Amino acid sequence: MFDTKNVFLGITPTCWTNDDFPNAGLGDDIPFEQCVDEIAKAGFAGCSIGHKFPREVETLNHEMQRRQLRVSEPWVSTYFTCDGLEEQTVNDFRTQMEFVRAVGGRDIGLAELGQAVHTVKDADLHAEKPVFTDEQWNRLVTGLNRLGNMATASGARLCYHPHMGTGVQSQDEVTTLLERTNDNVHLLLDTGHLSWAGGKPMDILTNYAHRIGHVHLKNVRYSVMTKPALAHASFFDFIKAGIFTVPGDDGIVDFEAILRQLAQNHYAGWLVVEAEQDPALAPPLTFAKKARAYLREVAGL
């Protein structure tokens, strides 16, 4: 389907150790070295940055290069909807622009975490989700445009990640963000989060092809998503219950259609497998290999 010179297959370290809930029993015992060894063993070209990864650029580059891996994207949490945090957010983003340049990457993933509830272990993920006011939307859009312009000027690329439990998760919210921001604000299309929020990834791919800068290939289990016992559950509860899995496993995301549309759109960049799972129940290397084999079969990657 794809020009393999311009499309790169990665995976996130969250399959090994959860980054939203460090020290919560979700892969805390898995060291960095095992994670990147198994990413390479499974046949991926790179990965995003987890909280156990070395922070010193020279050390990180050494560890990645000796496994023939690349950095797909670092992360920035933005807080434009919170009073007094705009300049801290800008400074954090500037630091990550310098970092991504130093590790040979381009994309920077981010999401607005003002009032977000997905990291609160006892929060009702649905009932307590933030809904931005007009003023908060204005602050967010202004801030993202500022960061997007900074990124483009420096040769980096801002990629906004809609996320369950945040103020930008539904298709309407994603559409609002894309319509109100400029073209320097790209979308990190996460198939799992958007599908779980009731959205249609194919509609976004059709209507906003030129804005897709990065893709997370994440599957979501309908049986967990609709489980009555989880009606008021937290994001942590859903993760423990197995809401997410990889492409090629049981889930509702139509990856063949999504990949076909991306190829027709001449997508170039990272396709990154992601599935926040409990590694005690979903052995990371096993699931990484499953996803890798599936993507080789359906997309020739």
C-alpha atoms as a PDB file:
ATOM      1  CA  MET A   1       0.000   0.000   0.000  1.00  0.00           C
ATOM      2  CA  PHE A   2       2.695   2.479   1.035  1.00  0.00           C
ATOM      3  CA  ASP A   3       5.971   3.912  -0.188  1.00  0.00           C
ATOM      4  CA  THR A   4       8.091   2.179   2.436  1.00  0.00           C
ATOM      5  CA  LYS A   5      10.848   4.768   2.049  1.00  0.00           C
ATOM      6  CA  ASN A   6       8.540   7.383   3.558  1.00  0.00           C
ATOM      7  CA  VAL A   7       6.429   5.384   6.022  1.00  0.00           C
ATOM      8  CA  PHE A   8       7.925   4.121   9.272  1.00  0.00           C
ATOM      9  CA  LEU A   9       6.454   1.540  11.612  1.00  0.00           C
ATOM     10  CA  GLY A  10       6.830   2.113  15.339  1.00  0.00           C
ATOM     11  CA  ILE A  11       5.336   1.058  18.651  1.00  0.00           C
ATOM     12  CA  THR A  12       4.899   2.848  21.974  1.00  0.00           C
ATOM     13  CA  PRO A  13       6.544   1.729  25.241  1.00  0.00           C
ATOM     14  CA  THR A  14       3.090   1.745  26.890  1.00  0.00           C
ATOM     15  CA  CYS A  15       2.746  -1.876  25.781  1.00  0.00           C
ATOM     16  CA  TRP A  16       5.533  -2.592  28.280  1.00  0.00           C
ATOM     17  CA  THR A  17       5.140   0.043  31.008  1.00  0.00           C
ATOM     18  CA  ASN A  18       2.232   2.450  31.423  1.00  0.00           C
ATOM     19  CA  ASP A  19       3.172   6.138  31.334  1.00  0.00           C
ATOM     20  CA  ASP A  20      -0.109   7.570  32.638  1.00  0.00           C
ATOM     21  CA  PHE A  21       0.118   5.485  35.807  1.00  0.00           C
ATOM     22  CA  PRO A  22       3.745   4.955  36.845  1.00  0.00           C
ATOM     23  CA  ASN A  23       4.220   2.762  39.919  1.00  0.00           C
ATOM     24  CA  ALA A  24       0.681   1.418  39.619  1.00  0.00           C
ATOM     25  CA  GLY A  25       1.577  -2.165  38.794  1.00  0.00           C
ATOM     26  CA  LEU A  26       1.394  -1.875  35.011  1.00  0.00           C
ATOM     27  CA  GLY A  27       4.844  -2.979  33.918  1.00  0.00           C
ATOM     28  CA  ASP A  28       6.774  -1.280  36.719  1.00  0.00           C
ATOM     29  CA  ASP A  29       9.176  -4.218  36.817  1.00  0.00           C
ATOM     30  CA  ILE A  30      10.045  -4.089  33.101  1.00  0.00           C
ATOM     31  CA  PRO A  31      13.311  -2.187  32.537  1.00  0.00           C
ATOM     32  CA  PHE A  32      14.024   0.162  29.655  1.00  0.00           C
ATOM     33  CA  GLU A  33      16.524  -2.286  28.157  1.00  0.00           C
ATOM     34  CA  GLN A  34      13.960  -5.079  27.883  1.00  0.00           C
ATOM     35  CA  CYS A  35      11.472  -2.724  26.274  1.00  0.00           C
ATOM     36  CA  VAL A  36      13.761  -1.516  23.483  1.00  0.00           C
ATOM     37  CA  ASP A  37      15.315  -4.965  23.006  1.00  0.00           C
ATOM     38  CA  GLU A  38      11.875  -6.424  22.371  1.00  0.00           C
ATOM     39  CA  ILE A  39      10.790  -3.532  20.154  1.00  0.00           C
ATOM     40  CA  ALA A  40      13.772  -4.259  17.943  1.00  0.00           C
ATOM     41  CA  LYS A  41      13.223  -8.019  18.143  1.00  0.00           C
ATOM     42  CA  ALA A  42       9.609  -7.628  17.013  1.00  0.00           C
ATOM     43  CA  GLY A  43      10.802  -5.800  13.900  1.00  0.00           C
ATOM     44  CA  PHE A  44       9.803  -2.173  14.500  1.00  0.00           C
ATOM     45  CA  ALA A  45      11.792   0.811  13.259  1.00  0.00           C
ATOM     46  CA  GLY A  46      11.345   2.927  16.355  1.00  0.00           C
ATOM     47  CA  CYS A  47       9.230   4.048  19.262  1.00  0.00           C
ATOM     48  CA  SER A  48       8.059   7.034  21.265  1.00  0.00           C
ATOM     49  CA  ILE A  49       9.679   8.035  24.550  1.00  0.00           C
ATOM     50  CA  GLY A  50       8.567   6.399  27.806  1.00  0.00           C
ATOM     51  CA  HIS A  51       9.217   7.613  31.339  1.00  0.00           C
ATOM     52  CA  LYS A  52      11.924   4.978  31.877  1.00  0.00           C
ATOM     53  CA  PHE A  53      13.949   6.104  28.859  1.00  0.00           C
ATOM     54  CA  PRO A  54      17.290   7.888  29.398  1.00  0.00           C
ATOM     55  CA  ARG A  55      16.918  11.681  29.538  1.00  0.00           C
ATOM     56  CA  GLU A  56      20.480  12.399  28.469  1.00  0.00           C
ATOM     57  CA  VAL A  57      20.474  12.748  24.680  1.00  0.00           C
ATOM     58  CA  GLU A  58      23.842  11.103  24.054  1.00  0.00           C
ATOM     59  CA  THR A  59      22.913   8.059  26.143  1.00  0.00           C
ATOM     60  CA  LEU A  60      19.494   7.732  24.516  1.00  0.00           C
ATOM     61  CA  ASN A  61      20.936   8.046  21.009  1.00  0.00           C
ATOM     62  CA  HIS A  62      23.525   5.379  21.818  1.00  0.00           C
ATOM     63  CA  GLU A  63      20.943   2.937  23.182  1.00  0.00           C
ATOM     64  CA  MET A  64      18.580   3.471  20.259  1.00  0.00           C
ATOM     65  CA  GLN A  65      21.204   3.383  17.523  1.00  0.00           C
ATOM     66  CA  ARG A  66      22.826   0.175  18.701  1.00  0.00           C
ATOM     67  CA  ARG A  67      19.421  -1.478  18.330  1.00  0.00           C
ATOM     68  CA  GLN A  68      18.830   0.277  14.983  1.00  0.00           C
ATOM     69  CA  LEU A  69      15.832   2.133  16.412  1.00  0.00           C
ATOM     70  CA  ARG A  70      14.653   5.726  15.963  1.00  0.00           C
ATOM     71  CA  VAL A  71      12.535   8.058  18.081  1.00  0.00           C
ATOM     72  CA  SER A  72       9.056   8.465  16.611  1.00  0.00           C
ATOM     73  CA  GLU A  73       7.930  11.290  18.903  1.00  0.00           C
ATOM     74  CA  PRO A  74       8.407  12.805  22.341  1.00  0.00           C
ATOM     75  CA  TRP A  75       5.430  14.113  24.342  1.00  0.00           C
ATOM     76  CA  VAL A  76       4.329  17.498  25.699  1.00  0.00           C
ATOM     77  CA  SER A  77       1.333  18.088  27.973  1.00  0.00           C
ATOM     78  CA  THR A  78      -0.198  21.519  27.361  1.00  0.00           C
ATOM     79  CA  TYR A  79      -2.145  23.593  29.900  1.00  0.00           C
ATOM     80  CA  PHE A  80      -3.473  26.536  27.926  1.00  0.00           C
ATOM     81  CA  THR A  81      -6.899  26.253  29.565  1.00  0.00           C
ATOM     82  CA  CYS A  82      -5.376  26.672  33.037  1.00  0.00           C
ATOM     83  CA  ASP A  83      -4.711  30.147  34.422  1.00  0.00           C
ATOM     84  CA  GLY A  84      -1.071  31.154  34.529  1.00  0.00           C
ATOM     85  CA  LEU A  85       0.411  28.109  32.743  1.00  0.00           C
ATOM     86  CA  GLU A  86       0.762  29.394  29.170  1.00  0.00           C
ATOM     87  CA  GLU A  87       4.445  30.351  29.366  1.00  0.00           C
ATOM     88  CA  GLN A  88       5.372  27.146  31.202  1.00  0.00           C
ATOM     89  CA  THR A  89       3.629  25.209  28.416  1.00  0.00           C
ATOM     90  CA  VAL A  90       5.522  27.158  25.747  1.00  0.00           C
ATOM     91  CA  ASN A  91       8.835  26.586  27.520  1.00  0.00           C
ATOM     92  CA  ASP A  92       8.128  22.849  27.854  1.00  0.00           C
ATOM     93  CA  PHE A  93       7.350  22.690  24.153  1.00  0.00           C
ATOM     94  CA  ARG A  94      10.508  24.589  23.271  1.00  0.00           C
ATOM     95  CA  THR A  95      12.532  22.077  25.311  1.00  0.00           C
ATOM     96  CA  GLN A  96      10.969  19.183  23.414  1.00  0.00           C
ATOM     97  CA  MET A  97      11.666  20.861  20.067  1.00  0.00           C
ATOM     98  CA  GLU A  98      15.340  20.978  21.004  1.00  0.00           C
ATOM     99  CA  PHE A  99      15.163  17.376  22.175  1.00  0.00           C
ATOM    100  CA  VAL A 100      13.499  15.987  19.064  1.00  0.00           C
ATOM    101  CA  ARG A 101      16.043  17.757  16.877  1.00  0.00           C
ATOM    102  CA  ALA A 102      18.881  16.252  18.950  1.00  0.00           C
ATOM    103  CA  VAL A 103      17.532  12.701  18.533  1.00  0.00           C
ATOM    104  CA  GLY A 104      16.955  13.064  14.801  1.00  0.00           C
ATOM    105  CA  GLY A 105      13.170  13.240  14.867  1.00  0.00           C
ATOM    106  CA  ARG A 106      10.550  15.712  13.769  1.00  0.00           C
ATOM    107  CA  ASP A 107       7.114  15.038  15.294  1.00  0.00           C
ATOM    108  CA  ILE A 108       6.046  16.140  18.777  1.00  0.00           C
ATOM    109  CA  GLY A 109       2.878  14.630  20.235  1.00  0.00           C
ATOM    110  CA  LEU A 110       0.803  16.676  22.635  1.00  0.00           C
ATOM    111  CA  ALA A 111      -2.613  17.071  24.212  1.00  0.00           C
ATOM    112  CA  GLU A 112      -4.311  19.687  26.354  1.00  0.00           C
ATOM    113  CA  LEU A 113      -4.511  18.285  29.882  1.00  0.00           C
ATOM    114  CA  GLY A 114      -6.235  21.210  31.549  1.00  0.00           C
ATOM    115  CA  GLN A 115      -8.994  19.682  33.739  1.00  0.00           C
ATOM    116  CA  ALA A 116      -8.237  16.231  32.259  1.00  0.00           C
ATOM    117  CA  VAL A 117      -9.399  13.249  34.323  1.00  0.00           C
ATOM    118  CA  HIS A 118      -7.747  10.295  32.605  1.00  0.00           C
ATOM    119  CA  THR A 119      -4.842  10.215  35.075  1.00  0.00           C
ATOM    120  CA  VAL A 120      -7.138  10.380  38.128  1.00  0.00           C
ATOM    121  CA  LYS A 121      -7.529   6.774  39.248  1.00  0.00           C
ATOM    122  CA  ASP A 122     -10.984   7.198  40.827  1.00  0.00           C
ATOM    123  CA  ALA A 123     -12.521   9.675  38.350  1.00  0.00           C
ATOM    124  CA  ASP A 124     -15.592   8.757  36.304  1.00  0.00           C
ATOM    125  CA  LEU A 125     -14.083   8.898  32.825  1.00  0.00           C
ATOM    126  CA  HIS A 126     -17.335   9.858  31.118  1.00  0.00           C
ATOM    127  CA  ALA A 127     -19.211  11.946  33.682  1.00  0.00           C
ATOM    128  CA  GLU A 128     -16.194  14.002  34.752  1.00  0.00           C
ATOM    129  CA  LYS A 129     -14.717  14.651  31.316  1.00  0.00           C
ATOM    130  CA  PRO A 130     -13.964  18.388  30.882  1.00  0.00           C
ATOM    131  CA  VAL A 131     -16.084  20.444  28.509  1.00  0.00           C
ATOM    132  CA  PHE A 132     -14.295  23.625  27.479  1.00  0.00           C
ATOM    133  CA  THR A 133     -15.966  27.013  27.615  1.00  0.00           C
ATOM    134  CA  ASP A 134     -15.722  29.423  24.691  1.00  0.00           C
ATOM    135  CA  GLU A 135     -12.954  31.266  26.517  1.00  0.00           C
ATOM    136  CA  GLN A 136     -11.016  28.042  27.099  1.00  0.00           C
ATOM    137  CA  TRP A 137     -11.363  27.078  23.439  1.00  0.00           C
ATOM    138  CA  ASN A 138     -10.036  30.499  22.443  1.00  0.00           C
ATOM    139  CA  ARG A 139      -7.040  30.103  24.749  1.00  0.00           C
ATOM    140  CA  LEU A 140      -6.359  26.599  23.486  1.00  0.00           C
ATOM    141  CA  VAL A 141      -6.577  27.542  19.812  1.00  0.00           C
ATOM    142  CA  THR A 142      -4.390  30.612  20.289  1.00  0.00           C
ATOM    143  CA  GLY A 143      -1.817  28.597  22.216  1.00  0.00           C
ATOM    144  CA  LEU A 144      -1.723  25.728  19.739  1.00  0.00           C
ATOM    145  CA  ASN A 145      -1.318  28.090  16.806  1.00  0.00           C
ATOM    146  CA  ARG A 146       1.602  29.691  18.630  1.00  0.00           C
ATOM    147  CA  LEU A 147       3.264  26.313  19.209  1.00  0.00           C
ATOM    148  CA  GLY A 148       2.512  25.117  15.692  1.00  0.00           C
ATOM    149  CA  ASN A 149       4.126  28.189  14.197  1.00  0.00           C
ATOM    150  CA  MET A 150       7.168  27.708  16.430  1.00  0.00           C
ATOM    151  CA  ALA A 151       7.452  24.071  15.403  1.00  0.00           C
ATOM    152  CA  THR A 152       7.184  24.724  11.682  1.00  0.00           C
ATOM    153  CA  ALA A 153       9.758  27.520  11.878  1.00  0.00           C
ATOM    154  CA  SER A 154      12.219  25.156  13.582  1.00  0.00           C
ATOM    155  CA  GLY A 155      11.634  22.186  11.244  1.00  0.00           C
ATOM    156  CA  ALA A 156       9.546  20.247  13.777  1.00  0.00           C
ATOM    157  CA  ARG A 157       5.875  19.273  13.525  1.00  0.00           C
ATOM    158  CA  LEU A 158       3.207  19.645  16.215  1.00  0.00           C
ATOM    159  CA  CYS A 159       0.805  16.680  16.234  1.00  0.00           C
ATOM    160  CA  TYR A 160      -2.263  17.038  18.470  1.00  0.00           C
ATOM    161  CA  HIS A 161      -3.444  13.826  20.155  1.00  0.00           C
ATOM    162  CA  PRO A 162      -7.163  13.627  21.082  1.00  0.00           C
ATOM    163  CA  HIS A 163      -7.469  11.556  24.254  1.00  0.00           C
ATOM    164  CA  MET A 164     -10.255  10.064  26.353  1.00  0.00           C
ATOM    165  CA  GLY A 165     -10.827  12.028  29.548  1.00  0.00           C
ATOM    166  CA  THR A 166      -9.698  15.343  28.059  1.00  0.00           C
ATOM    167  CA  GLY A 167     -11.484  18.321  26.526  1.00  0.00           C
ATOM    168  CA  VAL A 168     -10.682  17.119  22.988  1.00  0.00           C
ATOM    169  CA  GLN A 169     -11.797  13.524  22.555  1.00  0.00           C
ATOM    170  CA  SER A 170     -15.005  13.355  20.482  1.00  0.00           C
ATOM    171  CA  GLN A 171     -15.254  13.770  16.730  1.00  0.00           C
ATOM    172  CA  ASP A 172     -17.024  17.113  17.146  1.00  0.00           C
ATOM    173  CA  GLU A 173     -14.244  18.341  19.439  1.00  0.00           C
ATOM    174  CA  VAL A 174     -11.548  17.142  17.056  1.00  0.00           C
ATOM    175  CA  THR A 175     -13.324  18.851  14.169  1.00  0.00           C
ATOM    176  CA  THR A 176     -13.619  22.077  16.163  1.00  0.00           C
ATOM    177  CA  LEU A 177      -9.897  21.994  16.901  1.00  0.00           C
ATOM    178  CA  LEU A 178      -8.954  21.386  13.267  1.00  0.00           C
ATOM    179  CA  GLU A 179     -11.332  24.031  11.936  1.00  0.00           C
ATOM    180  CA  ARG A 180     -10.137  26.707  14.355  1.00  0.00           C
ATOM    181  CA  THR A 181      -6.384  26.097  14.258  1.00  0.00           C
ATOM    182  CA  ASN A 182      -4.035  26.783  11.373  1.00  0.00           C
ATOM    183  CA  ASP A 183      -2.285  24.226   9.167  1.00  0.00           C
ATOM    184  CA  ASN A 184       0.799  24.221  11.386  1.00  0.00           C
ATOM    185  CA  VAL A 185      -1.286  22.307  13.949  1.00  0.00           C
ATOM    186  CA  HIS A 186      -1.343  18.728  12.683  1.00  0.00           C
ATOM    187  CA  LEU A 187      -3.432  15.863  14.002  1.00  0.00           C
ATOM    188  CA  LEU A 188      -2.060  12.781  15.673  1.00  0.00           C
ATOM    189  CA  LEU A 189      -4.831  10.405  14.671  1.00  0.00           C
ATOM    190  CA  ASP A 190      -5.301   7.791  17.393  1.00  0.00           C
ATOM    191  CA  THR A 191      -7.721   5.187  16.051  1.00  0.00           C
ATOM    192  CA  GLY A 192      -8.478   3.735  19.480  1.00  0.00           C
ATOM    193  CA  HIS A 193      -9.277   6.923  21.371  1.00  0.00           C
ATOM    194  CA  LEU A 194     -11.372   8.355  18.545  1.00  0.00           C
ATOM    195  CA  SER A 195     -13.321   5.118  18.061  1.00  0.00           C
ATOM    196  CA  TRP A 196     -13.946   4.754  21.803  1.00  0.00           C
ATOM    197  CA  ALA A 197     -15.250   8.344  21.893  1.00  0.00           C
ATOM    198  CA  GLY A 198     -17.795   7.440  19.204  1.00  0.00           C
ATOM    199  CA  GLY A 199     -15.891   9.030  16.344  1.00  0.00           C
ATOM    200  CA  LYS A 200     -15.254   7.757  12.837  1.00  0.00           C
ATOM    201  CA  PRO A 201     -11.576   7.710  11.875  1.00  0.00           C
ATOM    202  CA  MET A 202     -12.494   7.289   8.201  1.00  0.00           C
ATOM    203  CA  ASP A 203     -14.395  10.597   8.213  1.00  0.00           C
ATOM    204  CA  ILE A 204     -11.377  12.411   9.650  1.00  0.00           C
ATOM    205  CA  LEU A 205      -9.087  10.731   7.114  1.00  0.00           C
ATOM    206  CA  THR A 206     -11.366  11.761   4.270  1.00  0.00           C
ATOM    207  CA  ASN A 207     -12.046  15.338   5.333  1.00  0.00           C
ATOM    208  CA  TYR A 208      -8.695  16.304   6.862  1.00  0.00           C
ATOM    209  CA  ALA A 209      -6.124  14.252   4.980  1.00  0.00           C
ATOM    210  CA  HIS A 210      -3.703  17.173   4.723  1.00  0.00           C
ATOM    211  CA  ARG A 211      -3.732  17.692   8.507  1.00  0.00           C
ATOM    212  CA  ILE A 212      -2.759  14.141   9.527  1.00  0.00           C
ATOM    213  CA  GLY A 213       0.837  14.315  10.714  1.00  0.00           C
ATOM    214  CA  HIS A 214       1.174  11.158  12.804  1.00  0.00           C
ATOM    215  CA  VAL A 215      -0.903   8.011  13.414  1.00  0.00           C
ATOM    216  CA  HIS A 216      -1.360   5.727  16.414  1.00  0.00           C
ATOM    217  CA  LEU A 217      -2.760   2.337  15.435  1.00  0.00           C
ATOM    218  CA  LYS A 218      -4.702   1.334  18.524  1.00  0.00           C
ATOM    219  CA  ASN A 219      -7.522  -1.196  18.781  1.00  0.00           C
ATOM    220  CA  VAL A 220     -10.440  -0.998  21.208  1.00  0.00           C
ATOM    221  CA  ARG A 221     -12.564  -3.837  22.570  1.00  0.00           C
ATOM    222  CA  TYR A 222     -16.310  -3.246  22.305  1.00  0.00           C
ATOM    223  CA  SER A 223     -17.033  -5.840  24.997  1.00  0.00           C
ATOM    224  CA  VAL A 224     -15.006  -3.819  27.511  1.00  0.00           C
ATOM    225  CA  MET A 225     -16.181  -0.425  26.251  1.00  0.00           C
ATOM    226  CA  THR A 226     -19.838  -1.381  26.875  1.00  0.00           C
ATOM    227  CA  LYS A 227     -19.444  -3.494  30.006  1.00  0.00           C
ATOM    228  CA  PRO A 228     -22.169  -2.436  32.505  1.00  0.00           C
ATOM    229  CA  ALA A 229     -19.827  -2.804  35.470  1.00  0.00           C
ATOM    230  CA  LEU A 230     -17.588  -0.118  33.936  1.00  0.00           C
ATOM    231  CA  ALA A 231     -20.330   2.455  33.336  1.00  0.00           C
ATOM    232  CA  HIS A 232     -18.753   4.836  35.882  1.00  0.00           C
ATOM    233  CA  ALA A 233     -15.197   3.534  35.715  1.00  0.00           C
ATOM    234  CA  SER A 234     -11.964   5.486  35.512  1.00  0.00           C
ATOM    235  CA  PHE A 235      -9.481   5.330  32.660  1.00  0.00           C
ATOM    236  CA  PHE A 236      -7.260   3.220  34.922  1.00  0.00           C
ATOM    237  CA  ASP A 237     -10.132   0.767  35.490  1.00  0.00           C
ATOM    238  CA  PHE A 238     -10.686   0.472  31.754  1.00  0.00           C
ATOM    239  CA  ILE A 239      -6.988  -0.147  31.138  1.00  0.00           C
ATOM    240  CA  LYS A 240      -6.948  -2.889  33.759  1.00  0.00           C
ATOM    241  CA  ALA A 241     -10.047  -4.414  32.156  1.00  0.00           C
ATOM    242  CA  GLY A 242      -8.347  -4.546  28.737  1.00  0.00           C
ATOM    243  CA  ILE A 243     -10.065  -1.761  26.802  1.00  0.00           C
ATOM    244  CA  PHE A 244      -7.154  -1.479  24.352  1.00  0.00           C
ATOM    245  CA  THR A 245      -5.295  -4.015  22.271  1.00  0.00           C
ATOM    246  CA  VAL A 246      -3.122  -4.072  19.166  1.00  0.00           C
ATOM    247  CA  PRO A 247      -4.043  -4.289  15.487  1.00  0.00           C
ATOM    248  CA  GLY A 248      -4.587  -7.913  14.550  1.00  0.00           C
ATOM    249  CA  ASP A 249      -6.179  -8.816  17.883  1.00  0.00           C
ATOM    250  CA  ASP A 250      -9.861  -8.749  18.839  1.00  0.00           C
ATOM    251  CA  GLY A 251     -11.223  -5.217  18.472  1.00  0.00           C
ATOM    252  CA  ILE A 252     -13.606  -3.032  16.505  1.00  0.00           C
ATOM    253  CA  VAL A 253     -11.211  -0.809  14.529  1.00  0.00           C
ATOM    254  CA  ASP A 254     -11.165  -1.510  10.778  1.00  0.00           C
ATOM    255  CA  PHE A 255      -7.436  -1.141  10.198  1.00  0.00           C
ATOM    256  CA  GLU A 256      -7.502  -2.415   6.639  1.00  0.00           C
ATOM    257  CA  ALA A 257      -9.847   0.398   5.585  1.00  0.00           C
ATOM    258  CA  ILE A 258      -7.871   2.986   7.555  1.00  0.00           C
ATOM    259  CA  LEU A 259      -4.536   1.903   6.128  1.00  0.00           C
ATOM    260  CA  ARG A 260      -5.965   1.815   2.617  1.00  0.00           C
ATOM    261  CA  GLN A 261      -7.267   5.373   3.001  1.00  0.00           C
ATOM    262  CA  LEU A 262      -3.962   6.582   4.416  1.00  0.00           C
ATOM    263  CA  ALA A 263      -2.172   5.072   1.424  1.00  0.00           C
ATOM    264  CA  GLN A 264      -4.620   6.685  -0.991  1.00  0.00           C
ATOM    265  CA  ASN A 265      -3.943   9.993   0.784  1.00  0.00           C
ATOM    266  CA  HIS A 266      -0.203   9.431   0.116  1.00  0.00           C
ATOM    267  CA  TYR A 267       0.457   9.510   3.840  1.00  0.00           C
ATOM    268  CA  ALA A 268       4.129   9.793   4.784  1.00  0.00           C
ATOM    269  CA  GLY A 269       5.390   9.510   8.337  1.00  0.00           C
ATOM    270  CA  TRP A 270       5.045   7.285  11.366  1.00  0.00           C
ATOM    271  CA  LEU A 271       2.448   4.559  11.898  1.00  0.00           C
ATOM    272  CA  VAL A 272       2.815   3.683  15.561  1.00  0.00           C
ATOM    273  CA  VAL A 273       1.201   0.672  17.229  1.00  0.00           C
ATOM    274  CA  GLU A 274      -0.137   1.530  20.664  1.00  0.00           C
ATOM    275  CA  ALA A 275      -2.083  -0.383  23.283  1.00  0.00           C
ATOM    276  CA  GLU A 276      -2.004   0.524  26.954  1.00  0.00           C
ATOM    277  CA  GLN A 277      -2.281  -2.965  28.408  1.00  0.00           C
ATOM    278  CA  ASP A 278      -1.479  -4.813  31.595  1.00  0.00           C
ATOM    279  CA  PRO A 279       1.704  -6.670  30.598  1.00  0.00           C
ATOM    280  CA  ALA A 280       0.926  -9.359  33.160  1.00  0.00           C
ATOM    281  CA  LEU A 281      -2.135 -10.267  31.074  1.00  0.00           C
ATOM    282  CA  ALA A 282      -0.865  -9.258  27.625  1.00  0.00           C
ATOM    283  CA  PRO A 283       2.823 -10.228  27.243  1.00  0.00           C
ATOM    284  CA  PRO A 284       4.345  -7.240  25.392  1.00  0.00           C
ATOM    285  CA  LEU A 285       6.628  -9.111  22.999  1.00  0.00           C
ATOM    286  CA  THR A 286       3.840 -11.520  22.031  1.00  0.00           C
ATOM    287  CA  PHE A 287       1.446  -8.678  21.238  1.00  0.00           C
ATOM    288  CA  ALA A 288       4.148  -6.630  19.498  1.00  0.00           C
ATOM    289  CA  LYS A 289       4.899  -9.570  17.203  1.00  0.00           C
ATOM    290  CA  LYS A 290       1.186 -10.093  16.577  1.00  0.00           C
ATOM    291  CA  ALA A 291       0.744  -6.467  15.503  1.00  0.00           C
ATOM    292  CA  ARG A 292       3.891  -6.548  13.392  1.00  0.00           C
ATOM    293  CA  ALA A 293       2.803  -9.711  11.551  1.00  0.00           C
ATOM    294  CA  TYR A 294      -0.676  -8.286  10.959  1.00  0.00           C
ATOM    295  CA  LEU A 295       0.634  -5.030   9.484  1.00  0.00           C
ATOM    296  CA  ARG A 296       3.019  -6.947   7.257  1.00  0.00           C
ATOM    297  CA  GLU A 297       0.126  -9.062   6.004  1.00  0.00           C
ATOM    298  CA  VAL A 298      -2.445  -6.306   5.378  1.00  0.00           C
ATOM    299  CA  ALA A 299      -0.214  -3.393   4.372  1.00  0.00           C
ATOM    300  CA  GLY A 300       3.067  -4.893   3.257  1.00  0.00           C
ATOM    301  CA  LEU A 301       5.000  -2.961   5.896  1.00  0.00           C
END
